Amino acid sequence: MDVRVTTRDVGAQTVVEVAGEIDVSTADVLRDRLTELLDRDRTDLVIDLREVRFMDSTGLGLLVGTLKKVRLAGGRLQLVIDSERLLKVFRITALLQVFTVHETVEAALGD
């Protein structure tokens, strides 16, 4: 399986829409896109994970690493998750305490 990543700017924020599976074989696609955004000083990110069907520890590690880079650059990173299955992974790993999570992109953009 693979992953699809698209981005769109909404004012100062960038919405990163991710669909598919984020695992060891696909994480580089997302990593490359996020690195490209940070290199262009797009540091206010909303990562939409509503279309992600599966995420392993590689994906979680990628998000944590990106969060650190964004914070060092003075930006912020928010996640959009509406799947109980994916929220459970974030809850079990205590990452819900680390990330700001919204149910909709609109809520993240308004925050």
N, C-alpha and C. Protein backbone atom coordinates (compact mmCIF):
# COMPACT_ATOMS: atom_id res chain seq x y z
N MET A 1 0.85 -1.19 0.00
CA MET A 1 0.00 0.00 0.00
C MET A 1 0.88 1.23 0.00
N ASP A 2 0.34 2.34 -0.36
CA ASP A 2 1.15 3.55 -0.39
C ASP A 2 0.43 4.69 0.30
N VAL A 3 1.08 5.83 0.26
CA VAL A 3 0.56 7.01 0.92
C VAL A 3 0.48 8.14 -0.10
N ARG A 4 -0.53 8.99 0.05
CA ARG A 4 -0.68 10.16 -0.81
C ARG A 4 -0.65 11.39 0.09
N VAL A 5 0.16 12.37 -0.28
CA VAL A 5 0.29 13.59 0.51
C VAL A 5 0.05 14.79 -0.40
N THR A 6 -0.91 15.63 -0.02
CA THR A 6 -1.15 16.88 -0.74
C THR A 6 -1.11 18.02 0.27
N THR A 7 -0.77 19.19 -0.23
CA THR A 7 -0.71 20.35 0.66
C THR A 7 -1.45 21.52 0.03
N ARG A 8 -1.94 22.39 0.90
CA ARG A 8 -2.55 23.63 0.45
C ARG A 8 -2.35 24.68 1.53
N ASP A 9 -2.04 25.88 1.09
CA ASP A 9 -1.85 26.98 2.02
C ASP A 9 -3.18 27.66 2.28
N VAL A 10 -3.44 27.95 3.55
CA VAL A 10 -4.62 28.69 3.96
C VAL A 10 -4.09 29.84 4.82
N GLY A 11 -3.83 30.96 4.16
CA GLY A 11 -3.19 32.07 4.86
C GLY A 11 -1.79 31.66 5.29
N ALA A 12 -1.49 31.87 6.56
CA ALA A 12 -0.17 31.53 7.09
C ALA A 12 -0.04 30.05 7.42
N GLN A 13 -1.18 29.34 7.41
CA GLN A 13 -1.15 27.93 7.76
C GLN A 13 -1.08 27.06 6.50
N THR A 14 -0.49 25.89 6.66
CA THR A 14 -0.45 24.92 5.58
C THR A 14 -1.15 23.65 6.03
N VAL A 15 -2.13 23.22 5.25
CA VAL A 15 -2.84 21.97 5.53
C VAL A 15 -2.15 20.86 4.74
N VAL A 16 -1.74 19.82 5.44
CA VAL A 16 -1.10 18.66 4.83
C VAL A 16 -2.09 17.51 4.93
N GLU A 17 -2.64 17.11 3.78
CA GLU A 17 -3.63 16.04 3.76
C GLU A 17 -2.93 14.72 3.43
N VAL A 18 -3.10 13.75 4.32
CA VAL A 18 -2.42 12.47 4.17
C VAL A 18 -3.48 11.38 4.03
N ALA A 19 -3.29 10.50 3.04
CA ALA A 19 -4.21 9.39 2.82
C ALA A 19 -3.42 8.12 2.58
N GLY A 20 -3.94 7.00 3.07
CA GLY A 20 -3.29 5.71 2.87
C GLY A 20 -2.69 5.18 4.15
N GLU A 21 -1.50 4.62 4.03
CA GLU A 21 -0.82 4.01 5.16
C GLU A 21 0.53 4.68 5.38
N ILE A 22 0.83 4.96 6.63
CA ILE A 22 2.14 5.54 6.97
C ILE A 22 2.90 4.47 7.73
N ASP A 23 3.88 3.88 7.07
CA ASP A 23 4.70 2.85 7.69
C ASP A 23 6.13 2.96 7.20
N VAL A 24 6.93 1.99 7.54
CA VAL A 24 8.36 2.07 7.21
C VAL A 24 8.61 2.21 5.71
N SER A 25 7.72 1.66 4.89
CA SER A 25 7.94 1.72 3.44
C SER A 25 7.39 2.98 2.79
N THR A 26 6.55 3.75 3.49
CA THR A 26 5.95 4.94 2.88
C THR A 26 6.28 6.24 3.60
N ALA A 27 6.87 6.15 4.77
CA ALA A 27 7.10 7.35 5.59
C ALA A 27 7.97 8.39 4.90
N ASP A 28 8.87 7.97 4.02
CA ASP A 28 9.75 8.93 3.35
C ASP A 28 8.97 9.93 2.50
N VAL A 29 7.85 9.51 1.93
CA VAL A 29 7.04 10.42 1.12
C VAL A 29 6.54 11.58 1.99
N LEU A 30 6.01 11.25 3.16
CA LEU A 30 5.52 12.28 4.07
C LEU A 30 6.68 13.09 4.65
N ARG A 31 7.75 12.42 5.02
CA ARG A 31 8.92 13.11 5.58
C ARG A 31 9.47 14.13 4.58
N ASP A 32 9.59 13.74 3.33
CA ASP A 32 10.13 14.64 2.30
C ASP A 32 9.24 15.87 2.12
N ARG A 33 7.92 15.67 2.12
CA ARG A 33 7.00 16.79 1.93
C ARG A 33 7.06 17.73 3.14
N LEU A 34 7.11 17.18 4.35
CA LEU A 34 7.19 18.03 5.54
C LEU A 34 8.51 18.79 5.59
N THR A 35 9.60 18.15 5.21
CA THR A 35 10.90 18.81 5.17
C THR A 35 10.89 19.96 4.17
N GLU A 36 10.28 19.71 3.02
CA GLU A 36 10.17 20.75 1.98
C GLU A 36 9.39 21.96 2.52
N LEU A 37 8.32 21.72 3.24
CA LEU A 37 7.53 22.82 3.82
C LEU A 37 8.35 23.60 4.84
N LEU A 38 9.05 22.90 5.71
CA LEU A 38 9.86 23.58 6.72
C LEU A 38 11.00 24.37 6.07
N ASP A 39 11.56 23.83 5.01
CA ASP A 39 12.62 24.54 4.28
C ASP A 39 12.10 25.84 3.66
N ARG A 40 10.79 25.90 3.39
CA ARG A 40 10.17 27.11 2.84
C ARG A 40 9.56 27.99 3.94
N ASP A 41 9.96 27.71 5.19
CA ASP A 41 9.47 28.45 6.35
C ASP A 41 7.96 28.35 6.54
N ARG A 42 7.36 27.26 6.10
CA ARG A 42 5.95 26.98 6.39
C ARG A 42 5.94 26.19 7.70
N THR A 43 5.82 26.89 8.82
CA THR A 43 5.97 26.25 10.13
C THR A 43 4.68 26.24 10.94
N ASP A 44 3.56 26.63 10.34
CA ASP A 44 2.26 26.53 11.00
C ASP A 44 1.48 25.46 10.24
N LEU A 45 1.61 24.22 10.71
CA LEU A 45 1.11 23.08 9.96
C LEU A 45 -0.12 22.45 10.61
N VAL A 46 -1.07 22.08 9.76
CA VAL A 46 -2.22 21.29 10.16
C VAL A 46 -2.13 19.99 9.36
N ILE A 47 -1.85 18.89 10.04
CA ILE A 47 -1.70 17.61 9.35
C ILE A 47 -3.01 16.84 9.50
N ASP A 48 -3.69 16.66 8.37
CA ASP A 48 -4.99 16.01 8.32
C ASP A 48 -4.79 14.51 8.12
N LEU A 49 -5.07 13.74 9.16
CA LEU A 49 -4.87 12.29 9.13
C LEU A 49 -6.18 11.52 9.00
N ARG A 50 -7.26 12.20 8.62
CA ARG A 50 -8.57 11.53 8.57
C ARG A 50 -8.64 10.41 7.54
N GLU A 51 -7.80 10.46 6.51
CA GLU A 51 -7.82 9.41 5.48
C GLU A 51 -6.71 8.38 5.66
N VAL A 52 -6.05 8.42 6.80
CA VAL A 52 -4.99 7.44 7.08
C VAL A 52 -5.63 6.17 7.63
N ARG A 53 -5.38 5.05 6.97
CA ARG A 53 -5.96 3.78 7.38
C ARG A 53 -5.08 3.02 8.37
N PHE A 54 -3.78 3.31 8.34
CA PHE A 54 -2.84 2.59 9.20
C PHE A 54 -1.63 3.47 9.45
N MET A 55 -1.11 3.43 10.68
CA MET A 55 0.13 4.13 11.00
C MET A 55 0.91 3.28 11.99
N ASP A 56 2.17 3.01 11.68
CA ASP A 56 3.00 2.26 12.61
C ASP A 56 3.92 3.21 13.37
N SER A 57 4.85 2.64 14.12
CA SER A 57 5.74 3.46 14.95
C SER A 57 6.63 4.38 14.12
N THR A 58 6.90 4.02 12.88
CA THR A 58 7.68 4.89 12.00
C THR A 58 6.92 6.20 11.76
N GLY A 59 5.63 6.09 11.50
CA GLY A 59 4.80 7.28 11.30
C GLY A 59 4.71 8.12 12.55
N LEU A 60 4.53 7.48 13.69
CA LEU A 60 4.47 8.23 14.95
C LEU A 60 5.79 8.96 15.21
N GLY A 61 6.89 8.28 14.98
CA GLY A 61 8.20 8.89 15.17
C GLY A 61 8.42 10.06 14.23
N LEU A 62 7.95 9.93 13.01
CA LEU A 62 8.06 11.01 12.03
C LEU A 62 7.29 12.24 12.51
N LEU A 63 6.09 12.04 13.02
CA LEU A 63 5.29 13.17 13.51
C LEU A 63 5.94 13.83 14.72
N VAL A 64 6.47 13.04 15.64
CA VAL A 64 7.14 13.60 16.81
C VAL A 64 8.38 14.39 16.40
N GLY A 65 9.16 13.84 15.49
CA GLY A 65 10.35 14.54 14.99
C GLY A 65 10.00 15.84 14.30
N THR A 66 8.93 15.83 13.52
CA THR A 66 8.48 17.04 12.84
C THR A 66 7.99 18.08 13.85
N LEU A 67 7.29 17.62 14.87
CA LEU A 67 6.82 18.54 15.92
C LEU A 67 8.01 19.25 16.58
N LYS A 68 9.06 18.52 16.86
CA LYS A 68 10.26 19.13 17.46
C LYS A 68 10.86 20.20 16.55
N LYS A 69 10.97 19.88 15.26
CA LYS A 69 11.53 20.84 14.30
C LYS A 69 10.66 22.08 14.18
N VAL A 70 9.35 21.88 14.14
CA VAL A 70 8.42 23.00 14.03
C VAL A 70 8.53 23.90 15.25
N ARG A 71 8.58 23.30 16.42
CA ARG A 71 8.68 24.11 17.65
C ARG A 71 10.00 24.87 17.71
N LEU A 72 11.09 24.24 17.28
CA LEU A 72 12.39 24.92 17.25
C LEU A 72 12.36 26.12 16.31
N ALA A 73 11.55 26.03 15.27
CA ALA A 73 11.43 27.12 14.30
C ALA A 73 10.41 28.16 14.75
N GLY A 74 9.81 27.96 15.92
CA GLY A 74 8.84 28.91 16.44
C GLY A 74 7.44 28.74 15.88
N GLY A 75 7.19 27.59 15.28
CA GLY A 75 5.88 27.34 14.67
C GLY A 75 5.01 26.45 15.53
N ARG A 76 3.98 25.92 14.90
CA ARG A 76 3.11 24.97 15.61
C ARG A 76 2.61 23.92 14.64
N LEU A 77 2.32 22.76 15.19
CA LEU A 77 1.84 21.63 14.41
C LEU A 77 0.59 21.10 15.10
N GLN A 78 -0.50 21.00 14.35
CA GLN A 78 -1.74 20.45 14.87
C GLN A 78 -2.14 19.25 14.01
N LEU A 79 -2.81 18.29 14.62
CA LEU A 79 -3.27 17.12 13.91
C LEU A 79 -4.79 17.13 13.81
N VAL A 80 -5.30 16.56 12.72
CA VAL A 80 -6.73 16.35 12.57
C VAL A 80 -6.95 14.84 12.50
N ILE A 81 -7.66 14.31 13.49
CA ILE A 81 -7.94 12.88 13.57
C ILE A 81 -9.39 12.71 13.97
N ASP A 82 -10.14 11.95 13.19
CA ASP A 82 -11.54 11.69 13.55
C ASP A 82 -11.82 10.21 13.71
N SER A 83 -10.78 9.40 13.64
CA SER A 83 -10.93 7.95 13.75
C SER A 83 -10.58 7.49 15.17
N GLU A 84 -11.50 6.80 15.79
CA GLU A 84 -11.24 6.28 17.14
C GLU A 84 -10.06 5.32 17.12
N ARG A 85 -9.93 4.57 16.03
CA ARG A 85 -8.84 3.60 15.91
C ARG A 85 -7.48 4.31 15.97
N LEU A 86 -7.35 5.42 15.23
CA LEU A 86 -6.08 6.15 15.24
C LEU A 86 -5.90 6.93 16.55
N LEU A 87 -6.98 7.48 17.06
CA LEU A 87 -6.89 8.18 18.35
C LEU A 87 -6.42 7.24 19.45
N LYS A 88 -6.84 5.99 19.37
CA LYS A 88 -6.43 5.00 20.37
C LYS A 88 -4.92 4.81 20.37
N VAL A 89 -4.32 4.80 19.19
CA VAL A 89 -2.86 4.68 19.09
C VAL A 89 -2.18 5.87 19.77
N PHE A 90 -2.70 7.07 19.55
CA PHE A 90 -2.14 8.26 20.17
C PHE A 90 -2.37 8.26 21.68
N ARG A 91 -3.51 7.73 22.10
CA ARG A 91 -3.83 7.66 23.53
C ARG A 91 -2.89 6.67 24.23
N ILE A 92 -2.73 5.49 23.66
CA ILE A 92 -1.90 4.43 24.25
C ILE A 92 -0.45 4.88 24.38
N THR A 93 0.03 5.63 23.40
CA THR A 93 1.43 6.08 23.40
C THR A 93 1.61 7.41 24.13
N ALA A 94 0.53 7.92 24.72
CA ALA A 94 0.54 9.20 25.47
C ALA A 94 0.84 10.40 24.56
N LEU A 95 0.68 10.25 23.27
CA LEU A 95 0.96 11.35 22.35
C LEU A 95 -0.19 12.35 22.28
N LEU A 96 -1.35 11.99 22.82
CA LEU A 96 -2.44 12.97 22.88
C LEU A 96 -2.07 14.12 23.83
N GLN A 97 -1.14 13.85 24.74
CA GLN A 97 -0.68 14.89 25.66
C GLN A 97 0.38 15.78 25.01
N VAL A 98 0.93 15.33 23.90
CA VAL A 98 2.01 16.04 23.21
C VAL A 98 1.46 16.89 22.06
N PHE A 99 0.52 16.34 21.32
CA PHE A 99 -0.03 16.99 20.14
C PHE A 99 -1.36 17.69 20.45
N THR A 100 -1.62 18.75 19.71
CA THR A 100 -2.95 19.35 19.69
C THR A 100 -3.73 18.63 18.59
N VAL A 101 -4.86 18.02 18.97
CA VAL A 101 -5.64 17.22 18.03
C VAL A 101 -7.04 17.79 17.91
N HIS A 102 -7.51 17.91 16.67
CA HIS A 102 -8.85 18.39 16.37
C HIS A 102 -9.58 17.33 15.56
N GLU A 103 -10.92 17.43 15.53
CA GLU A 103 -11.72 16.49 14.74
C GLU A 103 -11.89 16.96 13.30
N THR A 104 -11.74 18.28 13.05
CA THR A 104 -11.92 18.81 11.71
C THR A 104 -10.79 19.79 11.35
N VAL A 105 -10.56 19.94 10.07
CA VAL A 105 -9.56 20.90 9.60
C VAL A 105 -10.00 22.32 9.97
N GLU A 106 -11.29 22.58 9.85
CA GLU A 106 -11.81 23.91 10.18
C GLU A 106 -11.52 24.29 11.63
N ALA A 107 -11.67 23.34 12.54
CA ALA A 107 -11.39 23.60 13.95
C ALA A 107 -9.90 23.92 14.14
N ALA A 108 -9.04 23.21 13.43
CA ALA A 108 -7.59 23.45 13.55
C ALA A 108 -7.23 24.82 12.97
N LEU A 109 -7.84 25.18 11.86
CA LEU A 109 -7.54 26.46 11.23
C LEU A 109 -8.04 27.62 12.08
N GLY A 110 -9.10 27.38 12.84
CA GLY A 110 -9.65 28.44 13.66
C GLY A 110 -8.97 28.57 15.00
N ASP A 111 -8.12 27.60 15.33
CA ASP A 111 -7.46 27.59 16.64
C ASP A 111 -6.28 28.54 16.68
